[in-house]
All heavy atoms as atom14 arrays in JSON, in Angstrom:
{
  "sequence": "PGGPGTLLGTVPANALAAPPAPGAQGLLAGLLPAVGM",
  "atom14_mask": [
    [1, 1, 1, 1, 1, 1, 1, 0, 0, 0, 0, 0, 0, 0],
    [1, 1, 1, 1, 0, 0, 0, 0, 0, 0, 0, 0, 0, 0],
    [1, 1, 1, 1, 0, 0, 0, 0, 0, 0, 0, 0, 0, 0],
    [1, 1, 1, 1, 1, 1, 1, 0, 0, 0, 0, 0, 0, 0],
    [1, 1, 1, 1, 0, 0, 0, 0, 0, 0, 0, 0, 0, 0],
    [1, 1, 1, 1, 1, 1, 1, 0, 0, 0, 0, 0, 0, 0],
    [1, 1, 1, 1, 1, 1, 1, 1, 0, 0, 0, 0, 0, 0],
    [1, 1, 1, 1, 1, 1, 1, 1, 0, 0, 0, 0, 0, 0],
    [1, 1, 1, 1, 0, 0, 0, 0, 0, 0, 0, 0, 0, 0],
    [1, 1, 1, 1, 1, 1, 1, 0, 0, 0, 0, 0, 0, 0],
    [1, 1, 1, 1, 1, 1, 1, 0, 0, 0, 0, 0, 0, 0],
    [1, 1, 1, 1, 1, 1, 1, 0, 0, 0, 0, 0, 0, 0],
    [1, 1, 1, 1, 1, 0, 0, 0, 0, 0, 0, 0, 0, 0],
    [1, 1, 1, 1, 1, 1, 1, 1, 0, 0, 0, 0, 0, 0],
    [1, 1, 1, 1, 1, 0, 0, 0, 0, 0, 0, 0, 0, 0],
    [1, 1, 1, 1, 1, 1, 1, 1, 0, 0, 0, 0, 0, 0],
    [1, 1, 1, 1, 1, 0, 0, 0, 0, 0, 0, 0, 0, 0],
    [1, 1, 1, 1, 1, 0, 0, 0, 0, 0, 0, 0, 0, 0],
    [1, 1, 1, 1, 1, 1, 1, 0, 0, 0, 0, 0, 0, 0],
    [1, 1, 1, 1, 1, 1, 1, 0, 0, 0, 0, 0, 0, 0],
    [1, 1, 1, 1, 1, 0, 0, 0, 0, 0, 0, 0, 0, 0],
    [1, 1, 1, 1, 1, 1, 1, 0, 0, 0, 0, 0, 0, 0],
    [1, 1, 1, 1, 0, 0, 0, 0, 0, 0, 0, 0, 0, 0],
    [1, 1, 1, 1, 1, 0, 0, 0, 0, 0, 0, 0, 0, 0],
    [1, 1, 1, 1, 1, 1, 1, 1, 1, 0, 0, 0, 0, 0],
    [1, 1, 1, 1, 0, 0, 0, 0, 0, 0, 0, 0, 0, 0],
    [1, 1, 1, 1, 1, 1, 1, 1, 0, 0, 0, 0, 0, 0],
    [1, 1, 1, 1, 1, 1, 1, 1, 0, 0, 0, 0, 0, 0],
    [1, 1, 1, 1, 1, 0, 0, 0, 0, 0, 0, 0, 0, 0],
    [1, 1, 1, 1, 0, 0, 0, 0, 0, 0, 0, 0, 0, 0],
    [1, 1, 1, 1, 1, 1, 1, 1, 0, 0, 0, 0, 0, 0],
    [1, 1, 1, 1, 1, 1, 1, 1, 0, 0, 0, 0, 0, 0],
    [1, 1, 1, 1, 1, 1, 1, 0, 0, 0, 0, 0, 0, 0],
    [1, 1, 1, 1, 1, 0, 0, 0, 0, 0, 0, 0, 0, 0],
    [1, 1, 1, 1, 1, 1, 1, 0, 0, 0, 0, 0, 0, 0],
    [1, 1, 1, 1, 0, 0, 0, 0, 0, 0, 0, 0, 0, 0],
    [1, 1, 1, 1, 1, 1, 1, 1, 0, 0, 0, 0, 0, 0]
  ],
  "atom14_positions": [
    [[87.99, 85.84, 35.63], [88.77, 86.76, 34.81], [88.47, 88.22, 35.16], [87.34, 88.61, 35.29], [88.35, 86.46, 33.38], [87.23, 85.49, 33.45], [87.06, 85.05, 34.85], [0.0, 0.0, 0.0], [0.0, 0.0, 0.0], [0.0, 0.0, 0.0], [0.0, 0.0, 0.0], [0.0, 0.0, 0.0], [0.0, 0.0, 0.0], [0.0, 0.0, 0.0]],
    [[89.54, 88.99, 35.34], [89.43, 90.42, 35.51], [88.97, 90.89, 36.87], [88.89, 92.08, 37.1], [0.0, 0.0, 0.0], [0.0, 0.0, 0.0], [0.0, 0.0, 0.0], [0.0, 0.0, 0.0], [0.0, 0.0, 0.0], [0.0, 0.0, 0.0], [0.0, 0.0, 0.0], [0.0, 0.0, 0.0], [0.0, 0.0, 0.0], [0.0, 0.0, 0.0]],
    [[88.65, 89.99, 37.76], [88.19, 90.41, 39.09], [89.35, 90.95, 39.89], [90.5, 90.57, 39.7], [0.0, 0.0, 0.0], [0.0, 0.0, 0.0], [0.0, 0.0, 0.0], [0.0, 0.0, 0.0], [0.0, 0.0, 0.0], [0.0, 0.0, 0.0], [0.0, 0.0, 0.0], [0.0, 0.0, 0.0], [0.0, 0.0, 0.0], [0.0, 0.0, 0.0]],
    [[89.09, 91.89, 40.81], [90.18, 92.44, 41.6], [90.81, 91.38, 42.48], [90.11, 90.58, 43.09], [89.49, 93.52, 42.45], [88.04, 93.15, 42.44], [87.8, 92.41, 41.17], [0.0, 0.0, 0.0], [0.0, 0.0, 0.0], [0.0, 0.0, 0.0], [0.0, 0.0, 0.0], [0.0, 0.0, 0.0], [0.0, 0.0, 0.0], [0.0, 0.0, 0.0]],
    [[92.11, 91.37, 42.51], [92.85, 90.42, 43.35], [92.86, 89.02, 42.83], [93.17, 88.09, 43.54], [0.0, 0.0, 0.0], [0.0, 0.0, 0.0], [0.0, 0.0, 0.0], [0.0, 0.0, 0.0], [0.0, 0.0, 0.0], [0.0, 0.0, 0.0], [0.0, 0.0, 0.0], [0.0, 0.0, 0.0], [0.0, 0.0, 0.0], [0.0, 0.0, 0.0]],
    [[92.49, 88.84, 41.57], [92.48, 87.48, 41.02], [93.77, 87.24, 40.24], [94.53, 88.16, 39.97], [91.29, 87.29, 40.06], [91.47, 88.16, 38.95], [89.97, 87.57, 40.74], [0.0, 0.0, 0.0], [0.0, 0.0, 0.0], [0.0, 0.0, 0.0], [0.0, 0.0, 0.0], [0.0, 0.0, 0.0], [0.0, 0.0, 0.0], [0.0, 0.0, 0.0]],
    [[93.96, 86.0, 39.88], [95.15, 85.65, 39.11], [95.15, 86.34, 37.76], [96.17, 86.74, 37.24], [95.22, 84.13, 38.92], [95.5, 83.32, 40.17], [95.43, 81.84, 39.85], [96.84, 83.67, 40.76], [0.0, 0.0, 0.0], [0.0, 0.0, 0.0], [0.0, 0.0, 0.0], [0.0, 0.0, 0.0], [0.0, 0.0, 0.0], [0.0, 0.0, 0.0]],
    [[93.95, 86.47, 37.18], [93.86, 87.11, 35.88], [93.62, 88.62, 36.02], [93.54, 89.32, 35.02], [92.73, 86.49, 35.05], [92.95, 85.05, 34.63], [91.75, 84.56, 33.83], [94.23, 84.89, 33.84], [0.0, 0.0, 0.0], [0.0, 0.0, 0.0], [0.0, 0.0, 0.0], [0.0, 0.0, 0.0], [0.0, 0.0, 0.0], [0.0, 0.0, 0.0]],
    [[93.48, 89.09, 37.24], [93.21, 90.5, 37.44], [94.36, 91.38, 37.0], [94.19, 92.57, 36.74], [0.0, 0.0, 0.0], [0.0, 0.0, 0.0], [0.0, 0.0, 0.0], [0.0, 0.0, 0.0], [0.0, 0.0, 0.0], [0.0, 0.0, 0.0], [0.0, 0.0, 0.0], [0.0, 0.0, 0.0], [0.0, 0.0, 0.0], [0.0, 0.0, 0.0]],
    [[95.56, 90.84, 36.87], [96.71, 91.62, 36.44], [96.83, 91.68, 34.93], [97.64, 92.41, 34.41], [97.99, 91.01, 37.03], [98.09, 89.67, 36.59], [97.98, 91.08, 38.54], [0.0, 0.0, 0.0], [0.0, 0.0, 0.0], [0.0, 0.0, 0.0], [0.0, 0.0, 0.0], [0.0, 0.0, 0.0], [0.0, 0.0, 0.0], [0.0, 0.0, 0.0]],
    [[96.04, 90.89, 34.23], [96.07, 90.88, 32.77], [95.25, 92.06, 32.27], [94.16, 92.31, 32.77], [95.49, 89.55, 32.24], [95.44, 89.56, 30.73], [96.31, 88.4, 32.74], [0.0, 0.0, 0.0], [0.0, 0.0, 0.0], [0.0, 0.0, 0.0], [0.0, 0.0, 0.0], [0.0, 0.0, 0.0], [0.0, 0.0, 0.0], [0.0, 0.0, 0.0]],
    [[95.74, 92.79, 31.3], [94.95, 93.9, 30.77], [93.61, 93.41, 30.25], [93.5, 92.32, 29.7], [95.81, 94.44, 29.62], [97.17, 93.88, 29.83], [97.03, 92.65, 30.64], [0.0, 0.0, 0.0], [0.0, 0.0, 0.0], [0.0, 0.0, 0.0], [0.0, 0.0, 0.0], [0.0, 0.0, 0.0], [0.0, 0.0, 0.0], [0.0, 0.0, 0.0]],
    [[92.57, 94.23, 30.45], [91.22, 93.83, 30.07], [91.13, 93.53, 28.57], [90.41, 92.62, 28.17], [90.23, 94.92, 30.46], [0.0, 0.0, 0.0], [0.0, 0.0, 0.0], [0.0, 0.0, 0.0], [0.0, 0.0, 0.0], [0.0, 0.0, 0.0], [0.0, 0.0, 0.0], [0.0, 0.0, 0.0], [0.0, 0.0, 0.0], [0.0, 0.0, 0.0]],
    [[91.85, 94.31, 27.73], [91.75, 94.07, 26.3], [92.43, 92.77, 25.89], [92.14, 92.21, 24.85], [92.32, 95.25, 25.51], [93.79, 95.48, 25.81], [94.37, 94.8, 26.66], [94.39, 96.45, 25.13], [0.0, 0.0, 0.0], [0.0, 0.0, 0.0], [0.0, 0.0, 0.0], [0.0, 0.0, 0.0], [0.0, 0.0, 0.0], [0.0, 0.0, 0.0]],
    [[93.32, 92.25, 26.71], [93.99, 90.99, 26.38], [93.03, 89.82, 26.48], [93.17, 88.83, 25.78], [95.19, 90.76, 27.3], [0.0, 0.0, 0.0], [0.0, 0.0, 0.0], [0.0, 0.0, 0.0], [0.0, 0.0, 0.0], [0.0, 0.0, 0.0], [0.0, 0.0, 0.0], [0.0, 0.0, 0.0], [0.0, 0.0, 0.0], [0.0, 0.0, 0.0]],
    [[92.04, 89.93, 27.37], [91.08, 88.84, 27.51], [90.18, 88.74, 26.28], [89.58, 87.71, 26.03], [90.23, 89.03, 28.77], [90.99, 88.85, 30.06], [90.09, 89.2, 31.25], [91.52, 87.45, 30.21], [0.0, 0.0, 0.0], [0.0, 0.0, 0.0], [0.0, 0.0, 0.0], [0.0, 0.0, 0.0], [0.0, 0.0, 0.0], [0.0, 0.0, 0.0]],
    [[90.08, 89.8, 25.54], [89.25, 89.78, 24.34], [90.05, 89.33, 23.12], [89.56, 89.37, 22.01], [88.67, 91.16, 24.1], [0.0, 0.0, 0.0], [0.0, 0.0, 0.0], [0.0, 0.0, 0.0], [0.0, 0.0, 0.0], [0.0, 0.0, 0.0], [0.0, 0.0, 0.0], [0.0, 0.0, 0.0], [0.0, 0.0, 0.0], [0.0, 0.0, 0.0]],
    [[91.29, 88.91, 23.31], [92.13, 88.49, 22.19], [91.53, 87.26, 21.54], [90.81, 86.49, 22.16], [93.53, 88.17, 22.7], [0.0, 0.0, 0.0], [0.0, 0.0, 0.0], [0.0, 0.0, 0.0], [0.0, 0.0, 0.0], [0.0, 0.0, 0.0], [0.0, 0.0, 0.0], [0.0, 0.0, 0.0], [0.0, 0.0, 0.0], [0.0, 0.0, 0.0]],
    [[91.82, 87.03, 20.27], [91.27, 85.86, 19.58], [91.82, 84.57, 20.2], [92.88, 84.57, 20.8], [91.76, 86.03, 18.14], [92.92, 86.94, 18.23], [92.7, 87.82, 19.41], [0.0, 0.0, 0.0], [0.0, 0.0, 0.0], [0.0, 0.0, 0.0], [0.0, 0.0, 0.0], [0.0, 0.0, 0.0], [0.0, 0.0, 0.0], [0.0, 0.0, 0.0]],
    [[91.08, 83.48, 20.06], [91.54, 82.22, 20.63], [92.86, 81.76, 20.02], [93.19, 82.13, 18.89], [90.43, 81.23, 20.28], [89.28, 82.03, 19.79], [89.8, 83.38, 19.41], [0.0, 0.0, 0.0], [0.0, 0.0, 0.0], [0.0, 0.0, 0.0], [0.0, 0.0, 0.0], [0.0, 0.0, 0.0], [0.0, 0.0, 0.0], [0.0, 0.0, 0.0]],
    [[93.57, 80.97, 20.79], [94.85, 80.44, 20.33], [94.62, 79.53, 19.13], [93.58, 78.89, 19.01], [95.53, 79.67, 21.45], [0.0, 0.0, 0.0], [0.0, 0.0, 0.0], [0.0, 0.0, 0.0], [0.0, 0.0, 0.0], [0.0, 0.0, 0.0], [0.0, 0.0, 0.0], [0.0, 0.0, 0.0], [0.0, 0.0, 0.0], [0.0, 0.0, 0.0]],
    [[95.6, 79.45, 18.23], [95.46, 78.55, 17.08], [95.25, 77.12, 17.55], [95.88, 76.66, 18.49], [96.78, 78.69, 16.34], [97.46, 79.89, 16.9], [96.87, 80.15, 18.24], [0.0, 0.0, 0.0], [0.0, 0.0, 0.0], [0.0, 0.0, 0.0], [0.0, 0.0, 0.0], [0.0, 0.0, 0.0], [0.0, 0.0, 0.0], [0.0, 0.0, 0.0]],
    [[94.33, 76.43, 16.91], [94.09, 75.03, 17.25], [93.06, 74.86, 18.37], [92.66, 73.75, 18.66], [0.0, 0.0, 0.0], [0.0, 0.0, 0.0], [0.0, 0.0, 0.0], [0.0, 0.0, 0.0], [0.0, 0.0, 0.0], [0.0, 0.0, 0.0], [0.0, 0.0, 0.0], [0.0, 0.0, 0.0], [0.0, 0.0, 0.0], [0.0, 0.0, 0.0]],
    [[92.63, 75.94, 19.03], [91.64, 75.81, 20.1], [90.27, 75.63, 19.46], [89.85, 76.44, 18.66], [91.65, 77.05, 20.97], [0.0, 0.0, 0.0], [0.0, 0.0, 0.0], [0.0, 0.0, 0.0], [0.0, 0.0, 0.0], [0.0, 0.0, 0.0], [0.0, 0.0, 0.0], [0.0, 0.0, 0.0], [0.0, 0.0, 0.0], [0.0, 0.0, 0.0]],
    [[89.59, 74.56, 19.8], [88.3, 74.28, 19.21], [87.34, 73.85, 20.3], [87.73, 73.57, 21.42], [88.42, 73.16, 18.19], [89.33, 73.51, 17.03], [89.55, 72.32, 16.13], [89.06, 71.25, 16.38], [90.28, 72.53, 15.05], [0.0, 0.0, 0.0], [0.0, 0.0, 0.0], [0.0, 0.0, 0.0], [0.0, 0.0, 0.0], [0.0, 0.0, 0.0]],
    [[86.08, 73.79, 19.97], [85.08, 73.27, 20.89], [84.91, 74.15, 22.11], [84.85, 75.37, 22.01], [0.0, 0.0, 0.0], [0.0, 0.0, 0.0], [0.0, 0.0, 0.0], [0.0, 0.0, 0.0], [0.0, 0.0, 0.0], [0.0, 0.0, 0.0], [0.0, 0.0, 0.0], [0.0, 0.0, 0.0], [0.0, 0.0, 0.0], [0.0, 0.0, 0.0]],
    [[84.84, 73.53, 23.25], [84.57, 74.24, 24.48], [85.69, 75.19, 24.88], [85.45, 76.2, 25.52], [84.34, 73.25, 25.62], [83.12, 72.35, 25.49], [83.11, 71.32, 26.61], [81.86, 73.17, 25.52], [0.0, 0.0, 0.0], [0.0, 0.0, 0.0], [0.0, 0.0, 0.0], [0.0, 0.0, 0.0], [0.0, 0.0, 0.0], [0.0, 0.0, 0.0]],
    [[86.92, 74.87, 24.53], [88.05, 75.68, 24.97], [88.27, 76.9, 24.1], [89.06, 77.77, 24.45], [89.32, 74.83, 24.99], [89.34, 73.69, 25.99], [90.64, 72.92, 25.88], [89.15, 74.19, 27.4], [0.0, 0.0, 0.0], [0.0, 0.0, 0.0], [0.0, 0.0, 0.0], [0.0, 0.0, 0.0], [0.0, 0.0, 0.0], [0.0, 0.0, 0.0]],
    [[87.59, 77.0, 22.99], [87.86, 78.1, 22.06], [87.67, 79.45, 22.74], [88.47, 80.36, 22.54], [86.97, 77.99, 20.84], [0.0, 0.0, 0.0], [0.0, 0.0, 0.0], [0.0, 0.0, 0.0], [0.0, 0.0, 0.0], [0.0, 0.0, 0.0], [0.0, 0.0, 0.0], [0.0, 0.0, 0.0], [0.0, 0.0, 0.0], [0.0, 0.0, 0.0]],
    [[86.64, 79.62, 23.53], [86.41, 80.89, 24.2], [87.29, 81.1, 25.41], [87.39, 82.21, 25.94], [0.0, 0.0, 0.0], [0.0, 0.0, 0.0], [0.0, 0.0, 0.0], [0.0, 0.0, 0.0], [0.0, 0.0, 0.0], [0.0, 0.0, 0.0], [0.0, 0.0, 0.0], [0.0, 0.0, 0.0], [0.0, 0.0, 0.0], [0.0, 0.0, 0.0]],
    [[87.94, 80.06, 25.89], [88.75, 80.17, 27.1], [90.22, 80.39, 26.83], [90.97, 80.7, 27.74], [88.61, 78.88, 27.94], [87.22, 78.61, 28.5], [87.21, 77.25, 29.18], [86.79, 79.69, 29.45], [0.0, 0.0, 0.0], [0.0, 0.0, 0.0], [0.0, 0.0, 0.0], [0.0, 0.0, 0.0], [0.0, 0.0, 0.0], [0.0, 0.0, 0.0]],
    [[90.66, 80.21, 25.6], [92.08, 80.27, 25.29], [92.44, 81.54, 24.55], [92.38, 81.6, 23.33], [92.49, 79.06, 24.43], [92.5, 77.71, 25.11], [92.79, 76.63, 24.1], [93.49, 77.66, 26.24], [0.0, 0.0, 0.0], [0.0, 0.0, 0.0], [0.0, 0.0, 0.0], [0.0, 0.0, 0.0], [0.0, 0.0, 0.0], [0.0, 0.0, 0.0]],
    [[92.81, 82.6, 25.26], [93.32, 83.77, 24.56], [94.71, 83.46, 24.0], [95.31, 82.45, 24.33], [93.37, 84.84, 25.63], [93.34, 84.11, 26.9], [92.74, 82.77, 26.67], [0.0, 0.0, 0.0], [0.0, 0.0, 0.0], [0.0, 0.0, 0.0], [0.0, 0.0, 0.0], [0.0, 0.0, 0.0], [0.0, 0.0, 0.0], [0.0, 0.0, 0.0]],
    [[95.21, 84.36, 23.19], [96.52, 84.15, 22.59], [97.57, 84.0, 23.68], [97.54, 84.7, 24.69], [96.86, 85.33, 21.69], [0.0, 0.0, 0.0], [0.0, 0.0, 0.0], [0.0, 0.0, 0.0], [0.0, 0.0, 0.0], [0.0, 0.0, 0.0], [0.0, 0.0, 0.0], [0.0, 0.0, 0.0], [0.0, 0.0, 0.0], [0.0, 0.0, 0.0]],
    [[98.48, 83.04, 23.5], [99.51, 82.79, 24.5], [100.4, 84.0, 24.68], [100.93, 84.25, 25.77], [100.35, 81.54, 24.09], [101.5, 81.33, 25.02], [99.47, 80.31, 24.04], [0.0, 0.0, 0.0], [0.0, 0.0, 0.0], [0.0, 0.0, 0.0], [0.0, 0.0, 0.0], [0.0, 0.0, 0.0], [0.0, 0.0, 0.0], [0.0, 0.0, 0.0]],
    [[100.54, 84.83, 23.65], [101.4, 86.0, 23.73], [101.0, 86.96, 24.83], [101.84, 87.69, 25.35], [0.0, 0.0, 0.0], [0.0, 0.0, 0.0], [0.0, 0.0, 0.0], [0.0, 0.0, 0.0], [0.0, 0.0, 0.0], [0.0, 0.0, 0.0], [0.0, 0.0, 0.0], [0.0, 0.0, 0.0], [0.0, 0.0, 0.0], [0.0, 0.0, 0.0]],
    [[99.76, 86.98, 25.23], [99.34, 87.9, 26.28], [99.91, 87.52, 27.63], [99.94, 88.31, 28.55], [97.82, 87.99, 26.36], [97.15, 86.77, 26.9], [95.38, 87.01, 26.99], [95.18, 86.98, 28.75], [0.0, 0.0, 0.0], [0.0, 0.0, 0.0], [0.0, 0.0, 0.0], [0.0, 0.0, 0.0], [0.0, 0.0, 0.0], [0.0, 0.0, 0.0]]
  ]
}
């Protein structure tokens, strides 16, 4: 996430800090930002 030239590098940095998507639990909770981003 956020590295130059990466797939997620085009996503704004503040979007990665968005709360997890509804229903995301367990291990995926920290990996699932809001789909709206």
